[in-house]
PDB file of N, CA and C in Angstrom:
ATOM      1  N   UNK A   1       2.673  -0.406 -20.059  1.00  0.00           N
ATOM      2  CA  UNK A   1       2.536   0.242 -18.668  1.00  0.00           C
ATOM      3  C   UNK A   1       3.303   1.502 -18.440  1.00  0.00           C
ATOM      4  N   UNK A   2       2.603   2.515 -18.054  1.00  0.00           N
ATOM      5  CA  UNK A   2       3.286   3.862 -17.849  1.00  0.00           C
ATOM      6  C   UNK A   2       4.020   3.908 -16.509  1.00  0.00           C
ATOM      7  N   UNK A   3       5.119   4.457 -16.438  1.00  0.00           N
ATOM      8  CA  UNK A   3       5.849   4.592 -15.073  1.00  0.00           C
ATOM      9  C   UNK A   3       4.938   5.334 -14.115  1.00  0.00           C
ATOM     10  N   UNK A   4       4.969   4.970 -12.865  1.00  0.00           N
ATOM     11  CA  UNK A   4       4.219   5.700 -11.792  1.00  0.00           C
ATOM     12  C   UNK A   4       5.056   6.861 -11.324  1.00  0.00           C
ATOM     13  N   UNK A   5       4.395   8.029 -11.432  1.00  0.00           N
ATOM     14  CA  UNK A   5       4.981   9.269 -10.920  1.00  0.00           C
ATOM     15  C   UNK A   5       4.291   9.574  -9.474  1.00  0.00           C
ATOM     16  N   UNK A   6       4.959   9.470  -8.331  1.00  0.00           N
ATOM     17  CA  UNK A   6       4.273   9.672  -7.197  1.00  0.00           C
ATOM     18  C   UNK A   6       3.977  11.131  -6.993  1.00  0.00           C
ATOM     19  N   UNK A   7       2.854  11.416  -6.419  1.00  0.00           N
ATOM     20  CA  UNK A   7       2.416  12.794  -6.107  1.00  0.00           C
ATOM     21  C   UNK A   7       1.962  12.788  -4.578  1.00  0.00           C
ATOM     22  N   UNK A   8       2.316  13.752  -3.815  1.00  0.00           N
ATOM     23  CA  UNK A   8       1.922  13.974  -2.388  1.00  0.00           C
ATOM     24  C   UNK A   8       0.546  14.512  -2.530  1.00  0.00           C
ATOM     25  N   UNK A   9      -0.296  14.152  -1.378  1.00  0.00           N
ATOM     26  CA  UNK A   9      -1.559  14.702  -1.352  1.00  0.00           C
ATOM     27  C   UNK A   9      -1.619  16.242  -1.300  1.00  0.00           C
ATOM     28  N   UNK A  10      -0.556  16.999  -0.966  1.00  0.00           N
ATOM     29  CA  UNK A  10      -0.700  18.420  -0.970  1.00  0.00           C
ATOM     30  C   UNK A  10      -0.327  18.963  -2.400  1.00  0.00           C
ATOM     31  N   UNK A  11       0.132  18.160  -3.367  1.00  0.00           N
ATOM     32  CA  UNK A  11       0.504  18.537  -4.568  1.00  0.00           C
ATOM     33  C   UNK A  11      -0.820  18.916  -5.460  1.00  0.00           C
ATOM     34  N   UNK A  12      -0.726  19.747  -6.402  1.00  0.00           N
ATOM     35  CA  UNK A  12      -1.899  20.057  -7.181  1.00  0.00           C
ATOM     36  C   UNK A  12      -2.120  18.928  -8.273  1.00  0.00           C
ATOM     37  N   UNK A  13      -3.170  18.383  -8.395  1.00  0.00           N
ATOM     38  CA  UNK A  13      -3.355  17.124  -9.151  1.00  0.00           C
ATOM     39  C   UNK A  13      -4.165  17.784 -10.485  1.00  0.00           C
ATOM     40  N   UNK A  14      -3.870  17.221 -11.571  1.00  0.00           N
ATOM     41  CA  UNK A  14      -4.650  17.584 -12.846  1.00  0.00           C
ATOM     42  C   UNK A  14      -6.129  17.529 -12.546  1.00  0.00           C
ATOM     43  N   UNK A  15      -6.920  18.484 -13.211  1.00  0.00           N
ATOM     44  CA  UNK A  15      -8.376  18.406 -13.170  1.00  0.00           C
ATOM     45  C   UNK A  15      -8.936  16.989 -13.489  1.00  0.00           C
ATOM     46  N   UNK A  16      -9.741  16.446 -12.547  1.00  0.00           N
ATOM     47  CA  UNK A  16     -10.331  15.001 -12.788  1.00  0.00           C
ATOM     48  C   UNK A  16      -9.531  13.742 -12.698  1.00  0.00           C
ATOM     49  N   UNK A  17      -8.249  14.188 -12.344  1.00  0.00           N
ATOM     50  CA  UNK A  17      -7.278  12.982 -12.042  1.00  0.00           C
ATOM     51  C   UNK A  17      -7.631  12.340 -10.689  1.00  0.00           C
ATOM     52  N   UNK A  18      -7.733  11.001 -10.602  1.00  0.00           N
ATOM     53  CA  UNK A  18      -7.817  10.297  -9.461  1.00  0.00           C
ATOM     54  C   UNK A  18      -6.808   9.257  -9.274  1.00  0.00           C
ATOM     55  N   UNK A  19      -6.781   8.561  -8.271  1.00  0.00           N
ATOM     56  CA  UNK A  19      -5.740   7.490  -8.087  1.00  0.00           C
ATOM     57  C   UNK A  19      -6.330   6.407  -7.271  1.00  0.00           C
ATOM     58  N   UNK A  20      -6.628   5.145  -7.694  1.00  0.00           N
ATOM     59  CA  UNK A  20      -7.156   4.045  -7.012  1.00  0.00           C
ATOM     60  C   UNK A  20      -5.970   3.166  -6.416  1.00  0.00           C
ATOM     61  N   UNK A  21      -5.974   2.861  -5.239  1.00  0.00           N
ATOM     62  CA  UNK A  21      -5.050   1.981  -4.669  1.00  0.00           C
ATOM     63  C   UNK A  21      -5.887   0.641  -4.187  1.00  0.00           C
ATOM     64  N   UNK A  22      -5.445  -0.483  -4.628  1.00  0.00           N
ATOM     65  CA  UNK A  22      -6.061  -1.722  -4.191  1.00  0.00           C
ATOM     66  C   UNK A  22      -4.999  -2.421  -3.155  1.00  0.00           C
ATOM     67  N   UNK A  23      -5.462  -2.656  -1.929  1.00  0.00           N
ATOM     68  CA  UNK A  23      -4.662  -3.246  -0.972  1.00  0.00           C
ATOM     69  C   UNK A  23      -5.157  -4.564  -0.467  1.00  0.00           C
ATOM     70  N   UNK A  24      -4.252  -5.396  -0.139  1.00  0.00           N
ATOM     71  CA  UNK A  24      -4.450  -6.553   0.726  1.00  0.00           C
ATOM     72  C   UNK A  24      -3.989  -6.384   2.030  1.00  0.00           C
ATOM     73  N   UNK A  25      -4.792  -6.635   3.047  1.00  0.00           N
ATOM     74  CA  UNK A  25      -4.322  -6.502   4.542  1.00  0.00           C
ATOM     75  C   UNK A  25      -4.327  -7.790   4.999  1.00  0.00           C
ATOM     76  N   UNK A  26      -3.257  -8.223   5.900  1.00  0.00           N
ATOM     77  CA  UNK A  26      -3.242  -9.505   6.400  1.00  0.00           C
ATOM     78  C   UNK A  26      -4.145  -9.657   7.529  1.00  0.00           C
ATOM     79  N   UNK A  27      -4.505 -11.055   7.694  1.00  0.00           N
ATOM     80  CA  UNK A  27      -5.367 -11.403   8.805  1.00  0.00           C
ATOM     81  C   UNK A  27      -4.452 -11.405  10.057  1.00  0.00           C
ATOM     82  N   UNK A  28      -5.001 -10.700  11.151  1.00  0.00           N
ATOM     83  CA  UNK A  28      -4.092 -10.499  12.365  1.00  0.00           C
ATOM     84  C   UNK A  28      -4.002 -11.784  13.068  1.00  0.00           C
ATOM     85  N   UNK A  29      -4.369 -12.916  12.740  1.00  0.00           N
ATOM     86  CA  UNK A  29      -4.178 -14.114  13.431  1.00  0.00           C
ATOM     87  C   UNK A  29      -3.162 -15.000  12.505  1.00  0.00           C
ATOM     88  N   UNK A  30      -2.532 -14.458  11.387  1.00  0.00           N
ATOM     89  CA  UNK A  30      -1.662 -15.240  10.547  1.00  0.00           C
ATOM     90  C   UNK A  30      -0.295 -15.320  11.292  1.00  0.00           C
ATOM     91  N   UNK A  31      -0.125 -16.388  11.990  1.00  0.00           N
ATOM     92  CA  UNK A  31       1.181 -16.419  12.757  1.00  0.00           C
ATOM     93  C   UNK A  31       2.565 -16.554  11.952  1.00  0.00           C
ATOM     94  N   UNK A  32       2.318 -17.265  10.777  1.00  0.00           N
ATOM     95  CA  UNK A  32       3.475 -17.406   9.840  1.00  0.00           C
ATOM     96  C   UNK A  32       3.896 -15.929   9.307  1.00  0.00           C
ATOM     97  N   UNK A  33       2.922 -15.213   8.900  1.00  0.00           N
ATOM     98  CA  UNK A  33       3.104 -13.921   8.431  1.00  0.00           C
ATOM     99  C   UNK A  33       3.709 -12.954   9.470  1.00  0.00           C
ATOM    100  N   UNK A  34       3.274 -13.118  10.782  1.00  0.00           N
ATOM    101  CA  UNK A  34       3.627 -12.334  11.745  1.00  0.00           C
ATOM    102  C   UNK A  34       5.159 -12.730  12.119  1.00  0.00           C
ATOM    103  N   UNK A  35       5.526 -13.961  11.986  1.00  0.00           N
ATOM    104  CA  UNK A  35       6.884 -14.293  12.104  1.00  0.00           C
ATOM    105  C   UNK A  35       7.784 -13.743  11.023  1.00  0.00           C
ATOM    106  N   UNK A  36       7.309 -13.754   9.815  1.00  0.00           N
ATOM    107  CA  UNK A  36       8.081 -13.370   8.622  1.00  0.00           C
ATOM    108  C   UNK A  36       8.321 -11.800   8.829  1.00  0.00           C
ATOM    109  N   UNK A  37       7.354 -11.026   9.282  1.00  0.00           N
ATOM    110  CA  UNK A  37       7.444  -9.551   9.417  1.00  0.00           C
ATOM    111  C   UNK A  37       8.403  -9.334  10.558  1.00  0.00           C
ATOM    112  N   UNK A  38       8.379 -10.082  11.648  1.00  0.00           N
ATOM    113  CA  UNK A  38       9.192  -9.878  12.698  1.00  0.00           C
ATOM    114  C   UNK A  38      10.705 -10.055  12.272  1.00  0.00           C
ATOM    115  N   UNK A  39      10.896 -11.094  11.457  1.00  0.00           N
ATOM    116  CA  UNK A  39      12.256 -11.514  10.890  1.00  0.00           C
ATOM    117  C   UNK A  39      12.792 -10.242  10.050  1.00  0.00           C
ATOM    118  N   UNK A  40      11.856  -9.780   9.209  1.00  0.00           N
ATOM    119  CA  UNK A  40      12.245  -8.726   8.316  1.00  0.00           C
ATOM    120  C   UNK A  40      12.545  -7.431   9.075  1.00  0.00           C
ATOM    121  N   UNK A  41      11.848  -7.182  10.071  1.00  0.00           N
ATOM    122  CA  UNK A  41      12.158  -6.069  10.918  1.00  0.00           C
ATOM    123  C   UNK A  41      13.407  -6.036  11.620  1.00  0.00           C
ATOM    124  N   UNK A  42      13.704  -7.322  12.015  1.00  0.00           N
ATOM    125  CA  UNK A  42      15.061  -7.591  12.703  1.00  0.00           C
ATOM    126  C   UNK A  42      16.212  -7.311  11.759  1.00  0.00           C
ATOM    127  N   UNK A  43      16.107  -7.789  10.398  1.00  0.00           N
ATOM    128  CA  UNK A  43      17.240  -7.648   9.501  1.00  0.00           C
ATOM    129  C   UNK A  43      17.309  -6.002   9.278  1.00  0.00           C
ATOM    130  N   UNK A  44      16.255  -5.350   9.020  1.00  0.00           N
ATOM    131  CA  UNK A  44      16.197  -3.984   8.803  1.00  0.00           C
ATOM    132  C   UNK A  44      16.618  -3.023   9.800  1.00  0.00           C
ATOM    133  N   UNK A  45      16.664  -3.542  11.008  1.00  0.00           N
ATOM    134  CA  UNK A  45      16.883  -2.729  12.188  1.00  0.00           C
ATOM    135  C   UNK A  45      18.210  -1.885  12.110  1.00  0.00           C
ATOM    136  N   UNK A  46      19.182  -2.322  11.458  1.00  0.00           N
ATOM    137  CA  UNK A  46      20.589  -1.765  11.396  1.00  0.00           C
ATOM    138  C   UNK A  46      20.595  -0.692  10.373  1.00  0.00           C
ATOM    139  N   UNK A  47      19.310  -0.522   9.359  1.00  0.00           N
ATOM    140  CA  UNK A  47      19.382   0.596   8.597  1.00  0.00           C
ATOM    141  C   UNK A  47      18.493   1.695   8.944  1.00  0.00           C
ATOM    142  N   UNK A  48      18.898   2.921   8.316  1.00  0.00           N
ATOM    143  CA  UNK A  48      18.021   4.173   8.854  1.00  0.00           C
ATOM    144  C   UNK A  48      16.642   4.322   8.244  1.00  0.00           C
ATOM    145  N   UNK A  49      15.831   3.355   8.428  1.00  0.00           N
ATOM    146  CA  UNK A  49      14.374   3.258   8.171  1.00  0.00           C
ATOM    147  C   UNK A  49      13.536   3.018   9.208  1.00  0.00           C
ATOM    148  N   UNK A  50      12.269   3.405   9.191  1.00  0.00           N
ATOM    149  CA  UNK A  50      11.350   3.175  10.187  1.00  0.00           C
ATOM    150  C   UNK A  50      10.263   2.140   9.535  1.00  0.00           C
ATOM    151  N   UNK A  51      10.058   1.025  10.143  1.00  0.00           N
ATOM    152  CA  UNK A  51       9.040   0.106   9.654  1.00  0.00           C
ATOM    153  C   UNK A  51       7.645   0.449  10.262  1.00  0.00           C
ATOM    154  N   UNK A  52       6.561   0.136   9.256  1.00  0.00           N
ATOM    155  CA  UNK A  52       5.382   0.442   9.824  1.00  0.00           C
ATOM    156  C   UNK A  52       4.804  -0.383  10.982  1.00  0.00           C
ATOM    157  N   UNK A  53       3.866   0.217  11.751  1.00  0.00           N
ATOM    158  CA  UNK A  53       3.307  -0.727  12.775  1.00  0.00           C
ATOM    159  C   UNK A  53       2.370  -1.675  12.073  1.00  0.00           C
ATOM    160  N   UNK A  54       2.100  -2.879  12.727  1.00  0.00           N
ATOM    161  CA  UNK A  54       1.367  -3.855  12.181  1.00  0.00           C
ATOM    162  C   UNK A  54       0.037  -3.295  11.578  1.00  0.00           C
ATOM    163  N   UNK A  55      -0.642  -2.407  12.275  1.00  0.00           N
ATOM    164  CA  UNK A  55      -1.931  -2.021  11.770  1.00  0.00           C
ATOM    165  C   UNK A  55      -1.988  -1.272  10.302  1.00  0.00           C
ATOM    166  N   UNK A  56      -0.694  -0.882  10.037  1.00  0.00           N
ATOM    167  CA  UNK A  56      -0.534  -0.208   8.699  1.00  0.00           C
ATOM    168  C   UNK A  56       0.009  -1.211   7.658  1.00  0.00           C
ATOM    169  N   UNK A  57       0.292  -2.476   8.098  1.00  0.00           N
ATOM    170  CA  UNK A  57       0.899  -3.402   7.122  1.00  0.00           C
ATOM    171  C   UNK A  57      -0.064  -3.717   6.063  1.00  0.00           C
ATOM    172  N   UNK A  58       0.396  -3.663   4.831  1.00  0.00           N
ATOM    173  CA  UNK A  58      -0.454  -4.092   3.678  1.00  0.00           C
ATOM    174  C   UNK A  58       0.436  -4.362   2.362  1.00  0.00           C
ATOM    175  N   UNK A  59      -0.194  -4.747   1.574  1.00  0.00           N
ATOM    176  CA  UNK A  59       0.412  -5.239   0.084  1.00  0.00           C
ATOM    177  C   UNK A  59      -0.351  -4.507  -0.844  1.00  0.00           C
ATOM    178  N   UNK A  60       0.292  -3.424  -1.591  1.00  0.00           N
ATOM    179  CA  UNK A  60      -0.358  -2.989  -2.784  1.00  0.00           C
ATOM    180  C   UNK A  60      -0.498  -3.898  -3.912  1.00  0.00           C
ATOM    181  N   UNK A  61      -1.630  -4.211  -4.325  1.00  0.00           N
ATOM    182  CA  UNK A  61      -1.887  -5.144  -5.432  1.00  0.00           C
ATOM    183  C   UNK A  61      -1.868  -4.288  -6.819  1.00  0.00           C
ATOM    184  N   UNK A  62      -2.464  -3.186  -6.828  1.00  0.00           N
ATOM    185  CA  UNK A  62      -2.526  -2.364  -8.013  1.00  0.00           C
ATOM    186  C   UNK A  62      -2.599  -0.966  -7.779  1.00  0.00           C
ATOM    187  N   UNK A  63      -2.125  -0.036  -8.554  1.00  0.00           N
ATOM    188  CA  UNK A  63      -2.464   1.280  -8.521  1.00  0.00           C
ATOM    189  C   UNK A  63      -2.955   1.755  -9.981  1.00  0.00           C
ATOM    190  N   UNK A  64      -4.241   2.318  -9.992  1.00  0.00           N
ATOM    191  CA  UNK A  64      -4.837   2.476 -11.164  1.00  0.00           C
ATOM    192  C   UNK A  64      -5.198   3.958 -11.348  1.00  0.00           C
ATOM    193  N   UNK A  65      -4.754   4.624 -12.271  1.00  0.00           N
ATOM    194  CA  UNK A  65      -5.070   5.858 -12.544  1.00  0.00           C
ATOM    195  C   UNK A  65      -6.200   6.233 -13.565  1.00  0.00           C
ATOM    196  N   UNK A  66      -6.587   5.146 -14.245  1.00  0.00           N
ATOM    197  CA  UNK A  66      -7.516   5.303 -15.207  1.00  0.00           C
ATOM    198  C   UNK A  66      -8.974   5.041 -14.866  1.00  0.00           C
ATOM    199  N   UNK A  67      -9.400   4.442 -13.779  1.00  0.00           N
ATOM    200  CA  UNK A  67     -10.677   3.917 -13.566  1.00  0.00           C
ATOM    201  C   UNK A  67     -11.348   5.053 -12.839  1.00  0.00           C
ATOM    202  N   UNK A  68     -12.633   5.247 -13.226  1.00  0.00           N
ATOM    203  CA  UNK A  68     -13.561   6.212 -12.589  1.00  0.00           C
ATOM    204  C   UNK A  68     -14.048   5.507 -11.429  1.00  0.00           C
ATOM    205  N   UNK A  69     -14.215   6.274 -10.376  1.00  0.00           N
ATOM    206  CA  UNK A  69     -14.571   5.687  -9.008  1.00  0.00           C
ATOM    207  C   UNK A  69     -15.941   4.992  -9.061  1.00  0.00           C
ATOM    208  N   UNK A  70     -16.679   5.404  -9.889  1.00  0.00           N
ATOM    209  CA  UNK A  70     -17.999   4.658 -10.124  1.00  0.00           C
ATOM    210  C   UNK A  70     -17.937   3.298 -10.662  1.00  0.00           C
ATOM    211  N   UNK A  71     -16.765   2.965 -11.326  1.00  0.00           N
ATOM    212  CA  UNK A  71     -16.627   1.706 -11.893  1.00  0.00           C
ATOM    213  C   UNK A  71     -15.985   0.650 -10.922  1.00  0.00           C
ATOM    214  N   UNK A  72     -15.498   1.087  -9.824  1.00  0.00           N
ATOM    215  CA  UNK A  72     -14.977   0.200  -8.784  1.00  0.00           C
ATOM    216  C   UNK A  72     -15.931  -0.166  -7.760  1.00  0.00           C
ATOM    217  N   UNK A  73     -15.932  -1.513  -7.657  1.00  0.00           N
ATOM    218  CA  UNK A  73     -16.871  -2.194  -6.541  1.00  0.00           C
ATOM    219  C   UNK A  73     -15.984  -2.517  -5.442  1.00  0.00           C
ATOM    220  N   UNK A  74     -16.634  -2.457  -4.225  1.00  0.00           N
ATOM    221  CA  UNK A  74     -15.916  -2.948  -2.812  1.00  0.00           C
ATOM    222  C   UNK A  74     -15.824  -4.392  -2.911  1.00  0.00           C
ATOM    223  N   UNK A  75     -14.761  -4.908  -2.501  1.00  0.00           N
ATOM    224  CA  UNK A  75     -14.520  -6.416  -2.276  1.00  0.00           C
ATOM    225  C   UNK A  75     -13.963  -6.683  -0.884  1.00  0.00           C
ATOM    226  N   UNK A  76     -14.439  -7.709  -0.378  1.00  0.00           N
ATOM    227  CA  UNK A  76     -13.899  -8.202   0.970  1.00  0.00           C
ATOM    228  C   UNK A  76     -13.339  -9.669   0.907  1.00  0.00           C
TER     229      UNK A  76
END
């Protein structure tokens, strides 16, 4: 596995280079996850960071630099 080198959207990407992110988003009625997130935010409150709003909460499953976008199928 190659190390991931983060690039900002405004950076110039190599010709033909793409990046696929696969995310899982939580169900908004998952009370156990909501409680876990609330406890995590409480613990992190003393640190100089900003936690994302619930609507942006996700888990990155995979970042793939090698797949052509035509090879990826939408899943729900």
